[in-house]
Each structure stands twice: as structure tokens, then as C-alpha cells.
Amino acid sequence: MRKKEERRGPTLFDFIQQDTKQEEKERPTKTEGGKDVSDELFDLIKSRGRITKEEATRWAKERGVSTADLIRSVGRLVAEKKIRKKLDDEGNLVYEVYG
């Protein structure tokens, strides 16, 4: 006796991929000043040369930017090769400008 082929519906991975694609399509998040979070964060890092993750988190909190938006902005800047993530001598995560 042959088994009937089971139909498989979408998997959890399909769901995750869909969510990721939707996030990429979303327009950039704006701060209270109306400027893109990624641009403001890049300006901050560029002016200081490098900042720690804690400084970036504090900066975002002061401006009412959610942690998710901050992480998305950092990811965007890293993907665009504007900044890079490094560990300093004490093992803290630091964001610095390429160049």
C-alpha cells in the first residue's frame, strides 16, 4: 500500500523570510527632528570618530528611538559600509567610521 503524499504548508522559515522582506520595504524611521535615524547616528559617529554601544543606546533613548530602530539603523550603516563594529581593548562593542 502506498502512502499518499502529504501536502506541506508554509514553514516557520517562510514566515520569517516574509517578515524580513516586509521590514526591508519599510521606510526609514525618523527621529523627532524629522531626520532619518541612520543619518543622525552616522553624523554622531562621524563627529566623534567612534562610540560605544552604550553611548549609542543612551543617544537613542534621549531621542525617543526604539532599540529595534537603533539596531536596524546600525545594520543599515554596516551594510552600506559607512561604519564597522569592533571590540575595543576592554571588550566593549564600538562603532567607528570606515576610513
PDB file of N, CA and C in Angstrom:
ATOM      1  N   MET A   1       0.823  -1.163   0.000  1.00  0.00           N
ATOM      2  CA  MET A   1       0.000   0.000   0.000  1.00  0.00           C
ATOM      3  C   MET A   1       0.887   1.255   0.000  1.00  0.00           C
ATOM      4  N   ARG A   2       0.585   2.176  -0.894  1.00  0.00           N
ATOM      5  CA  ARG A   2       1.359   3.413  -0.992  1.00  0.00           C
ATOM      6  C   ARG A   2       0.772   4.481  -0.085  1.00  0.00           C
ATOM      7  N   LYS A   3       1.693   5.249   0.462  1.00  0.00           N
ATOM      8  CA  LYS A   3       1.248   6.386   1.278  1.00  0.00           C
ATOM      9  C   LYS A   3       0.908   7.537   0.359  1.00  0.00           C
ATOM     10  N   LYS A   4      -0.142   8.221   0.686  1.00  0.00           N
ATOM     11  CA  LYS A   4      -0.469   9.418  -0.065  1.00  0.00           C
ATOM     12  C   LYS A   4       0.560  10.498   0.287  1.00  0.00           C
ATOM     13  N   GLU A   5       0.915  11.272  -0.719  1.00  0.00           N
ATOM     14  CA  GLU A   5       1.850  12.353  -0.452  1.00  0.00           C
ATOM     15  C   GLU A   5       1.186  13.386   0.436  1.00  0.00           C
ATOM     16  N   GLU A   6       1.914  13.742   1.460  1.00  0.00           N
ATOM     17  CA  GLU A   6       1.386  14.755   2.364  1.00  0.00           C
ATOM     18  C   GLU A   6       1.658  16.132   1.782  1.00  0.00           C
ATOM     19  N   ARG A   7       0.665  16.947   1.830  1.00  0.00           N
ATOM     20  CA  ARG A   7       0.863  18.331   1.403  1.00  0.00           C
ATOM     21  C   ARG A   7       1.420  19.104   2.586  1.00  0.00           C
ATOM     22  N   ARG A   8       2.464  19.836   2.291  1.00  0.00           N
ATOM     23  CA  ARG A   8       3.067  20.622   3.359  1.00  0.00           C
ATOM     24  C   ARG A   8       2.759  22.092   3.125  1.00  0.00           C
ATOM     25  N   GLY A   9       2.304  22.695   4.151  1.00  0.00           N
ATOM     26  CA  GLY A   9       2.006  24.124   4.094  1.00  0.00           C
ATOM     27  C   GLY A   9       3.273  24.929   4.332  1.00  0.00           C
ATOM     28  N   PRO A  10       3.113  26.204   4.506  1.00  0.00           N
ATOM     29  CA  PRO A  10       4.279  27.052   4.752  1.00  0.00           C
ATOM     30  C   PRO A  10       4.954  26.678   6.072  1.00  0.00           C
ATOM     31  N   THR A  11       6.240  26.832   6.090  1.00  0.00           N
ATOM     32  CA  THR A  11       7.001  26.522   7.299  1.00  0.00           C
ATOM     33  C   THR A  11       7.255  27.803   8.080  1.00  0.00           C
ATOM     34  N   LEU A  12       7.806  27.652   9.250  1.00  0.00           N
ATOM     35  CA  LEU A  12       8.142  28.809  10.071  1.00  0.00           C
ATOM     36  C   LEU A  12       9.187  29.670   9.364  1.00  0.00           C
ATOM     37  N   PHE A  13      10.103  29.033   8.654  1.00  0.00           N
ATOM     38  CA  PHE A  13      11.140  29.764   7.923  1.00  0.00           C
ATOM     39  C   PHE A  13      10.514  30.672   6.862  1.00  0.00           C
ATOM     40  N   ASP A  14       9.466  30.196   6.198  1.00  0.00           N
ATOM     41  CA  ASP A  14       8.774  31.023   5.204  1.00  0.00           C
ATOM     42  C   ASP A  14       8.197  32.273   5.853  1.00  0.00           C
ATOM     43  N   PHE A  15       7.671  32.110   7.048  1.00  0.00           N
ATOM     44  CA  PHE A  15       7.117  33.237   7.783  1.00  0.00           C
ATOM     45  C   PHE A  15       8.190  34.270   8.108  1.00  0.00           C
ATOM     46  N   ILE A  16       9.325  33.785   8.571  1.00  0.00           N
ATOM     47  CA  ILE A  16      10.433  34.676   8.948  1.00  0.00           C
ATOM     48  C   ILE A  16      10.934  35.420   7.728  1.00  0.00           C
ATOM     49  N   GLN A  17      11.086  34.729   6.619  1.00  0.00           N
ATOM     50  CA  GLN A  17      11.546  35.376   5.399  1.00  0.00           C
ATOM     51  C   GLN A  17      10.586  36.472   4.970  1.00  0.00           C
ATOM     52  N   GLN A  18       9.302  36.218   5.094  1.00  0.00           N
ATOM     53  CA  GLN A  18       8.291  37.201   4.716  1.00  0.00           C
ATOM     54  C   GLN A  18       8.421  38.447   5.578  1.00  0.00           C
ATOM     55  N   ASP A  19       8.586  38.264   6.890  1.00  0.00           N
ATOM     56  CA  ASP A  19       8.722  39.395   7.802  1.00  0.00           C
ATOM     57  C   ASP A  19       9.964  40.211   7.487  1.00  0.00           C
ATOM     58  N   THR A  20      11.065  39.541   7.165  1.00  0.00           N
ATOM     59  CA  THR A  20      12.308  40.230   6.848  1.00  0.00           C
ATOM     60  C   THR A  20      12.137  41.071   5.594  1.00  0.00           C
ATOM     61  N   LYS A  21      11.468  40.528   4.583  1.00  0.00           N
ATOM     62  CA  LYS A  21      11.250  41.274   3.347  1.00  0.00           C
ATOM     63  C   LYS A  21      10.374  42.495   3.597  1.00  0.00           C
ATOM     64  N   GLN A  22       9.372  42.345   4.456  1.00  0.00           N
ATOM     65  CA  GLN A  22       8.496  43.470   4.755  1.00  0.00           C
ATOM     66  C   GLN A  22       9.250  44.562   5.495  1.00  0.00           C
ATOM     67  N   GLU A  23      10.141  44.184   6.422  1.00  0.00           N
ATOM     68  CA  GLU A  23      10.925  45.165   7.163  1.00  0.00           C
ATOM     69  C   GLU A  23      11.827  45.952   6.230  1.00  0.00           C
ATOM     70  N   GLU A  24      12.403  45.272   5.239  1.00  0.00           N
ATOM     71  CA  GLU A  24      13.289  45.948   4.304  1.00  0.00           C
ATOM     72  C   GLU A  24      12.527  46.967   3.466  1.00  0.00           C
ATOM     73  N   LYS A  25      11.253  46.694   3.206  1.00  0.00           N
ATOM     74  CA  LYS A  25      10.448  47.592   2.390  1.00  0.00           C
ATOM     75  C   LYS A  25       9.997  48.819   3.167  1.00  0.00           C
ATOM     76  N   GLU A  26       9.975  48.703   4.511  1.00  0.00           N
ATOM     77  CA  GLU A  26       9.515  49.820   5.325  1.00  0.00           C
ATOM     78  C   GLU A  26      10.398  51.032   5.098  1.00  0.00           C
ATOM     79  N   ARG A  27       9.768  52.194   5.184  1.00  0.00           N
ATOM     80  CA  ARG A  27      10.558  53.403   5.003  1.00  0.00           C
ATOM     81  C   ARG A  27      11.406  53.637   6.253  1.00  0.00           C
ATOM     82  N   PRO A  28      12.518  54.362   6.101  1.00  0.00           N
ATOM     83  CA  PRO A  28      13.402  54.600   7.243  1.00  0.00           C
ATOM     84  C   PRO A  28      12.672  55.326   8.373  1.00  0.00           C
ATOM     85  N   THR A  29      13.070  55.013   9.587  1.00  0.00           N
ATOM     86  CA  THR A  29      12.469  55.622  10.754  1.00  0.00           C
ATOM     87  C   THR A  29      13.027  57.027  10.939  1.00  0.00           C
ATOM     88  N   LYS A  30      12.161  57.931  11.301  1.00  0.00           N
ATOM     89  CA  LYS A  30      12.560  59.325  11.503  1.00  0.00           C
ATOM     90  C   LYS A  30      12.622  59.626  12.994  1.00  0.00           C
ATOM     91  N   THR A  31      13.517  60.533  13.367  1.00  0.00           N
ATOM     92  CA  THR A  31      13.577  60.988  14.750  1.00  0.00           C
ATOM     93  C   THR A  31      12.600  62.144  14.914  1.00  0.00           C
ATOM     94  N   GLU A  32      12.563  62.694  16.117  1.00  0.00           N
ATOM     95  CA  GLU A  32      11.641  63.800  16.383  1.00  0.00           C
ATOM     96  C   GLU A  32      11.945  64.996  15.490  1.00  0.00           C
ATOM     97  N   GLY A  33      13.225  65.165  15.103  1.00  0.00           N
ATOM     98  CA  GLY A  33      13.616  66.274  14.247  1.00  0.00           C
ATOM     99  C   GLY A  33      13.233  66.071  12.792  1.00  0.00           C
ATOM    100  N   GLY A  34      12.741  64.894  12.445  1.00  0.00           N
ATOM    101  CA  GLY A  34      12.333  64.605  11.078  1.00  0.00           C
ATOM    102  C   GLY A  34      13.439  64.025  10.219  1.00  0.00           C
ATOM    103  N   LYS A  35      14.623  63.836  10.785  1.00  0.00           N
ATOM    104  CA  LYS A  35      15.751  63.293  10.033  1.00  0.00           C
ATOM    105  C   LYS A  35      15.805  61.773  10.240  1.00  0.00           C
ATOM    106  N   ASP A  36      16.324  61.061   9.267  1.00  0.00           N
ATOM    107  CA  ASP A  36      16.443  59.608   9.348  1.00  0.00           C
ATOM    108  C   ASP A  36      17.379  59.217  10.495  1.00  0.00           C
ATOM    109  N   VAL A  37      17.015  58.189  11.262  1.00  0.00           N
ATOM    110  CA  VAL A  37      17.813  57.736  12.398  1.00  0.00           C
ATOM    111  C   VAL A  37      19.211  57.330  11.942  1.00  0.00           C
ATOM    112  N   SER A  38      19.300  56.630  10.814  1.00  0.00           N
ATOM    113  CA  SER A  38      20.609  56.189  10.314  1.00  0.00           C
ATOM    114  C   SER A  38      21.511  57.384  10.030  1.00  0.00           C
ATOM    115  N   ASP A  39      20.947  58.418   9.419  1.00  0.00           N
ATOM    116  CA  ASP A  39      21.745  59.607   9.099  1.00  0.00           C
ATOM    117  C   ASP A  39      22.230  60.312  10.361  1.00  0.00           C
ATOM    118  N   GLU A  40      21.340  60.446  11.342  1.00  0.00           N
ATOM    119  CA  GLU A  40      21.727  61.106  12.593  1.00  0.00           C
ATOM    120  C   GLU A  40      22.775  60.295  13.335  1.00  0.00           C
ATOM    121  N   LEU A  41      22.593  58.980  13.354  1.00  0.00           N
ATOM    122  CA  LEU A  41      23.565  58.121  14.029  1.00  0.00           C
ATOM    123  C   LEU A  41      24.919  58.203  13.334  1.00  0.00           C
ATOM    124  N   PHE A  42      24.915  58.199  12.022  1.00  0.00           N
ATOM    125  CA  PHE A  42      26.168  58.307  11.270  1.00  0.00           C
ATOM    126  C   PHE A  42      26.847  59.643  11.550  1.00  0.00           C
ATOM    127  N   ASP A  43      26.072  60.722  11.604  1.00  0.00           N
ATOM    128  CA  ASP A  43      26.635  62.041  11.911  1.00  0.00           C
ATOM    129  C   ASP A  43      27.292  62.045  13.291  1.00  0.00           C
ATOM    130  N   LEU A  44      26.642  61.397  14.256  1.00  0.00           N
ATOM    131  CA  LEU A  44      27.187  61.308  15.610  1.00  0.00           C
ATOM    132  C   LEU A  44      28.508  60.541  15.620  1.00  0.00           C
ATOM    133  N   ILE A  45      28.519  59.387  14.973  1.00  0.00           N
ATOM    134  CA  ILE A  45      29.733  58.563  14.947  1.00  0.00           C
ATOM    135  C   ILE A  45      30.847  59.289  14.207  1.00  0.00           C
ATOM    136  N   LYS A  46      30.491  59.955  13.109  1.00  0.00           N
ATOM    137  CA  LYS A  46      31.486  60.682  12.318  1.00  0.00           C
ATOM    138  C   LYS A  46      32.093  61.833  13.125  1.00  0.00           C
ATOM    139  N   SER A  47      31.266  62.526  13.894  1.00  0.00           N
ATOM    140  CA  SER A  47      31.766  63.663  14.669  1.00  0.00           C
ATOM    141  C   SER A  47      32.703  63.219  15.795  1.00  0.00           C
ATOM    142  N   ARG A  48      32.444  62.054  16.367  1.00  0.00           N
ATOM    143  CA  ARG A  48      33.276  61.560  17.472  1.00  0.00           C
ATOM    144  C   ARG A  48      34.369  60.595  17.021  1.00  0.00           C
ATOM    145  N   GLY A  49      34.232  60.052  15.824  1.00  0.00           N
ATOM    146  CA  GLY A  49      35.206  59.066  15.353  1.00  0.00           C
ATOM    147  C   GLY A  49      34.794  57.650  15.698  1.00  0.00           C
ATOM    148  N   ARG A  50      34.361  57.458  16.927  1.00  0.00           N
ATOM    149  CA  ARG A  50      33.860  56.158  17.388  1.00  0.00           C
ATOM    150  C   ARG A  50      33.007  56.356  18.620  1.00  0.00           C
ATOM    151  N   ILE A  51      32.017  55.473  18.792  1.00  0.00           N
ATOM    152  CA  ILE A  51      31.201  55.489  20.004  1.00  0.00           C
ATOM    153  C   ILE A  51      30.969  54.052  20.452  1.00  0.00           C
ATOM    154  N   THR A  52      30.735  53.881  21.735  1.00  0.00           N
ATOM    155  CA  THR A  52      30.430  52.549  22.253  1.00  0.00           C
ATOM    156  C   THR A  52      28.945  52.246  22.054  1.00  0.00           C
ATOM    157  N   LYS A  53      28.623  50.991  22.201  1.00  0.00           N
ATOM    158  CA  LYS A  53      27.220  50.583  22.076  1.00  0.00           C
ATOM    159  C   LYS A  53      26.376  51.263  23.151  1.00  0.00           C
ATOM    160  N   GLU A  54      26.918  51.396  24.342  1.00  0.00           N
ATOM    161  CA  GLU A  54      26.192  52.031  25.437  1.00  0.00           C
ATOM    162  C   GLU A  54      25.905  53.496  25.132  1.00  0.00           C
ATOM    163  N   GLU A  55      26.882  54.197  24.540  1.00  0.00           N
ATOM    164  CA  GLU A  55      26.669  55.597  24.161  1.00  0.00           C
ATOM    165  C   GLU A  55      25.581  55.714  23.088  1.00  0.00           C
ATOM    166  N   ALA A  56      25.599  54.796  22.128  1.00  0.00           N
ATOM    167  CA  ALA A  56      24.582  54.794  21.071  1.00  0.00           C
ATOM    168  C   ALA A  56      23.199  54.528  21.655  1.00  0.00           C
ATOM    169  N   THR A  57      23.122  53.619  22.602  1.00  0.00           N
ATOM    170  CA  THR A  57      21.848  53.292  23.241  1.00  0.00           C
ATOM    171  C   THR A  57      21.331  54.496  24.029  1.00  0.00           C
ATOM    172  N   ARG A  58      22.223  55.147  24.758  1.00  0.00           N
ATOM    173  CA  ARG A  58      21.844  56.338  25.520  1.00  0.00           C
ATOM    174  C   ARG A  58      21.362  57.449  24.586  1.00  0.00           C
ATOM    175  N   TRP A  59      22.077  57.635  23.480  1.00  0.00           N
ATOM    176  CA  TRP A  59      21.713  58.638  22.469  1.00  0.00           C
ATOM    177  C   TRP A  59      20.308  58.367  21.924  1.00  0.00           C
ATOM    178  N   ALA A  60      20.043  57.096  21.603  1.00  0.00           N
ATOM    179  CA  ALA A  60      18.742  56.717  21.050  1.00  0.00           C
ATOM    180  C   ALA A  60      17.627  56.948  22.071  1.00  0.00           C
ATOM    181  N   LYS A  61      17.891  56.593  23.320  1.00  0.00           N
ATOM    182  CA  LYS A  61      16.882  56.755  24.362  1.00  0.00           C
ATOM    183  C   LYS A  61      16.534  58.228  24.556  1.00  0.00           C
ATOM    184  N   GLU A  62      17.539  59.105  24.502  1.00  0.00           N
ATOM    185  CA  GLU A  62      17.303  60.543  24.660  1.00  0.00           C
ATOM    186  C   GLU A  62      16.420  61.102  23.540  1.00  0.00           C
ATOM    187  N   ARG A  63      16.496  60.495  22.378  1.00  0.00           N
ATOM    188  CA  ARG A  63      15.732  60.979  21.229  1.00  0.00           C
ATOM    189  C   ARG A  63      14.431  60.218  21.004  1.00  0.00           C
ATOM    190  N   GLY A  64      14.135  59.262  21.862  1.00  0.00           N
ATOM    191  CA  GLY A  64      12.892  58.510  21.738  1.00  0.00           C
ATOM    192  C   GLY A  64      12.919  57.471  20.634  1.00  0.00           C
ATOM    193  N   VAL A  65      14.120  57.018  20.264  1.00  0.00           N
ATOM    194  CA  VAL A  65      14.271  55.999  19.221  1.00  0.00           C
ATOM    195  C   VAL A  65      14.249  54.627  19.891  1.00  0.00           C
ATOM    196  N   SER A  66      13.463  53.714  19.363  1.00  0.00           N
ATOM    197  CA  SER A  66      13.377  52.379  19.961  1.00  0.00           C
ATOM    198  C   SER A  66      14.660  51.602  19.700  1.00  0.00           C
ATOM    199  N   THR A  67      14.889  50.604  20.530  1.00  0.00           N
ATOM    200  CA  THR A  67      16.077  49.761  20.381  1.00  0.00           C
ATOM    201  C   THR A  67      16.057  49.051  19.032  1.00  0.00           C
ATOM    202  N   ALA A  68      14.894  48.608  18.606  1.00  0.00           N
ATOM    203  CA  ALA A  68      14.777  47.923  17.313  1.00  0.00           C
ATOM    204  C   ALA A  68      15.186  48.843  16.167  1.00  0.00           C
ATOM    205  N   ASP A  69      14.750  50.113  16.229  1.00  0.00           N
ATOM    206  CA  ASP A  69      15.118  51.069  15.186  1.00  0.00           C
ATOM    207  C   ASP A  69      16.613  51.354  15.206  1.00  0.00           C
ATOM    208  N   LEU A  70      17.189  51.421  16.404  1.00  0.00           N
ATOM    209  CA  LEU A  70      18.632  51.639  16.523  1.00  0.00           C
ATOM    210  C   LEU A  70      19.396  50.473  15.901  1.00  0.00           C
ATOM    211  N   ILE A  71      18.992  49.262  16.217  1.00  0.00           N
ATOM    212  CA  ILE A  71      19.662  48.073  15.675  1.00  0.00           C
ATOM    213  C   ILE A  71      19.525  48.028  14.157  1.00  0.00           C
ATOM    214  N   ARG A  72      18.328  48.362  13.667  1.00  0.00           N
ATOM    215  CA  ARG A  72      18.103  48.399  12.224  1.00  0.00           C
ATOM    216  C   ARG A  72      19.008  49.437  11.552  1.00  0.00           C
ATOM    217  N   SER A  73      19.140  50.596  12.188  1.00  0.00           N
ATOM    218  CA  SER A  73      19.975  51.662  11.641  1.00  0.00           C
ATOM    219  C   SER A  73      21.449  51.268  11.625  1.00  0.00           C
ATOM    220  N   VAL A  74      21.911  50.642  12.698  1.00  0.00           N
ATOM    221  CA  VAL A  74      23.301  50.176  12.748  1.00  0.00           C
ATOM    222  C   VAL A  74      23.526  49.147  11.649  1.00  0.00           C
ATOM    223  N   GLY A  75      22.595  48.210  11.501  1.00  0.00           N
ATOM    224  CA  GLY A  75      22.709  47.198  10.449  1.00  0.00           C
ATOM    225  C   GLY A  75      22.758  47.813   9.065  1.00  0.00           C
ATOM    226  N   ARG A  76      21.941  48.832   8.845  1.00  0.00           N
ATOM    227  CA  ARG A  76      21.920  49.517   7.553  1.00  0.00           C
ATOM    228  C   ARG A  76      23.259  50.211   7.284  1.00  0.00           C
ATOM    229  N   LEU A  77      23.795  50.887   8.298  1.00  0.00           N
ATOM    230  CA  LEU A  77      25.076  51.594   8.132  1.00  0.00           C
ATOM    231  C   LEU A  77      26.233  50.623   7.907  1.00  0.00           C
ATOM    232  N   VAL A  78      26.191  49.476   8.579  1.00  0.00           N
ATOM    233  CA  VAL A  78      27.227  48.457   8.378  1.00  0.00           C
ATOM    234  C   VAL A  78      27.117  47.877   6.971  1.00  0.00           C
ATOM    235  N   ALA A  79      25.889  47.601   6.521  1.00  0.00           N
ATOM    236  CA  ALA A  79      25.679  47.048   5.182  1.00  0.00           C
ATOM    237  C   ALA A  79      26.124  48.026   4.098  1.00  0.00           C
ATOM    238  N   GLU A  80      25.942  49.321   4.353  1.00  0.00           N
ATOM    239  CA  GLU A  80      26.360  50.342   3.393  1.00  0.00           C
ATOM    240  C   GLU A  80      27.853  50.659   3.506  1.00  0.00           C
ATOM    241  N   LYS A  81      28.527  49.970   4.438  1.00  0.00           N
ATOM    242  CA  LYS A  81      29.965  50.144   4.687  1.00  0.00           C
ATOM    243  C   LYS A  81      30.321  51.577   5.060  1.00  0.00           C
ATOM    244  N   LYS A  82      29.433  52.197   5.834  1.00  0.00           N
ATOM    245  CA  LYS A  82      29.719  53.530   6.363  1.00  0.00           C
ATOM    246  C   LYS A  82      30.384  53.426   7.727  1.00  0.00           C
ATOM    247  N   ILE A  83      29.967  52.407   8.512  1.00  0.00           N
ATOM    248  CA  ILE A  83      30.583  52.173   9.816  1.00  0.00           C
ATOM    249  C   ILE A  83      30.950  50.702   9.936  1.00  0.00           C
ATOM    250  N   ARG A  84      31.753  50.405  10.957  1.00  0.00           N
ATOM    251  CA  ARG A  84      32.055  48.999  11.255  1.00  0.00           C
ATOM    252  C   ARG A  84      31.980  48.781  12.758  1.00  0.00           C
ATOM    253  N   LYS A  85      31.727  47.549  13.129  1.00  0.00           N
ATOM    254  CA  LYS A  85      31.657  47.165  14.535  1.00  0.00           C
ATOM    255  C   LYS A  85      33.002  46.562  14.911  1.00  0.00           C
ATOM    256  N   LYS A  86      33.513  46.963  16.060  1.00  0.00           N
ATOM    257  CA  LYS A  86      34.768  46.412  16.562  1.00  0.00           C
ATOM    258  C   LYS A  86      34.661  46.242  18.069  1.00  0.00           C
ATOM    259  N   LEU A  87      35.565  45.465  18.617  1.00  0.00           N
ATOM    260  CA  LEU A  87      35.688  45.370  20.064  1.00  0.00           C
ATOM    261  C   LEU A  87      36.911  46.182  20.479  1.00  0.00           C
ATOM    262  N   ASP A  88      36.750  47.015  21.503  1.00  0.00           N
ATOM    263  CA  ASP A  88      37.899  47.777  21.974  1.00  0.00           C
ATOM    264  C   ASP A  88      38.755  46.893  22.890  1.00  0.00           C
ATOM    265  N   ASP A  89      39.778  47.483  23.481  1.00  0.00           N
ATOM    266  CA  ASP A  89      40.713  46.720  24.315  1.00  0.00           C
ATOM    267  C   ASP A  89      40.046  46.096  25.539  1.00  0.00           C
ATOM    268  N   GLU A  90      38.966  46.708  25.994  1.00  0.00           N
ATOM    269  CA  GLU A  90      38.264  46.202  27.179  1.00  0.00           C
ATOM    270  C   GLU A  90      37.147  45.230  26.822  1.00  0.00           C
ATOM    271  N   GLY A  91      36.942  44.965  25.537  1.00  0.00           N
ATOM    272  CA  GLY A  91      35.925  44.017  25.100  1.00  0.00           C
ATOM    273  C   GLY A  91      34.556  44.637  24.880  1.00  0.00           C
ATOM    274  N   ASN A  92      34.486  45.963  24.854  1.00  0.00           N
ATOM    275  CA  ASN A  92      33.212  46.653  24.597  1.00  0.00           C
ATOM    276  C   ASN A  92      33.006  46.809  23.103  1.00  0.00           C
ATOM    277  N   LEU A  93      31.755  46.689  22.669  1.00  0.00           N
ATOM    278  CA  LEU A  93      31.420  46.874  21.270  1.00  0.00           C
ATOM    279  C   LEU A  93      31.483  48.351  20.928  1.00  0.00           C
ATOM    280  N   VAL A  94      32.199  48.670  19.841  1.00  0.00           N
ATOM    281  CA  VAL A  94      32.399  50.057  19.432  1.00  0.00           C
ATOM    282  C   VAL A  94      32.008  50.179  17.968  1.00  0.00           C
ATOM    283  N   TYR A  95      31.348  51.276  17.629  1.00  0.00           N
ATOM    284  CA  TYR A  95      31.029  51.586  16.234  1.00  0.00           C
ATOM    285  C   TYR A  95      31.973  52.688  15.781  1.00  0.00           C
ATOM    286  N   GLU A  96      32.633  52.484  14.637  1.00  0.00           N
ATOM    287  CA  GLU A  96      33.531  53.510  14.127  1.00  0.00           C
ATOM    288  C   GLU A  96      33.358  53.692  12.627  1.00  0.00           C
ATOM    289  N   VAL A  97      33.733  54.872  12.156  1.00  0.00           N
ATOM    290  CA  VAL A  97      33.593  55.225  10.759  1.00  0.00           C
ATOM    291  C   VAL A  97      34.675  54.512   9.956  1.00  0.00           C
ATOM    292  N   TYR A  98      34.300  54.026   8.779  1.00  0.00           N
ATOM    293  CA  TYR A  98      35.287  53.446   7.879  1.00  0.00           C
ATOM    294  C   TYR A  98      36.257  54.541   7.438  1.00  0.00           C
ATOM    295  N   GLY A  99      37.535  54.144   7.261  1.00  0.00           N
ATOM    296  CA  GLY A  99      38.466  55.106   6.678  1.00  0.00           C
ATOM    297  C   GLY A  99      39.611  55.454   7.497  1.00  0.00           C
TER     298      GLY A  99
END
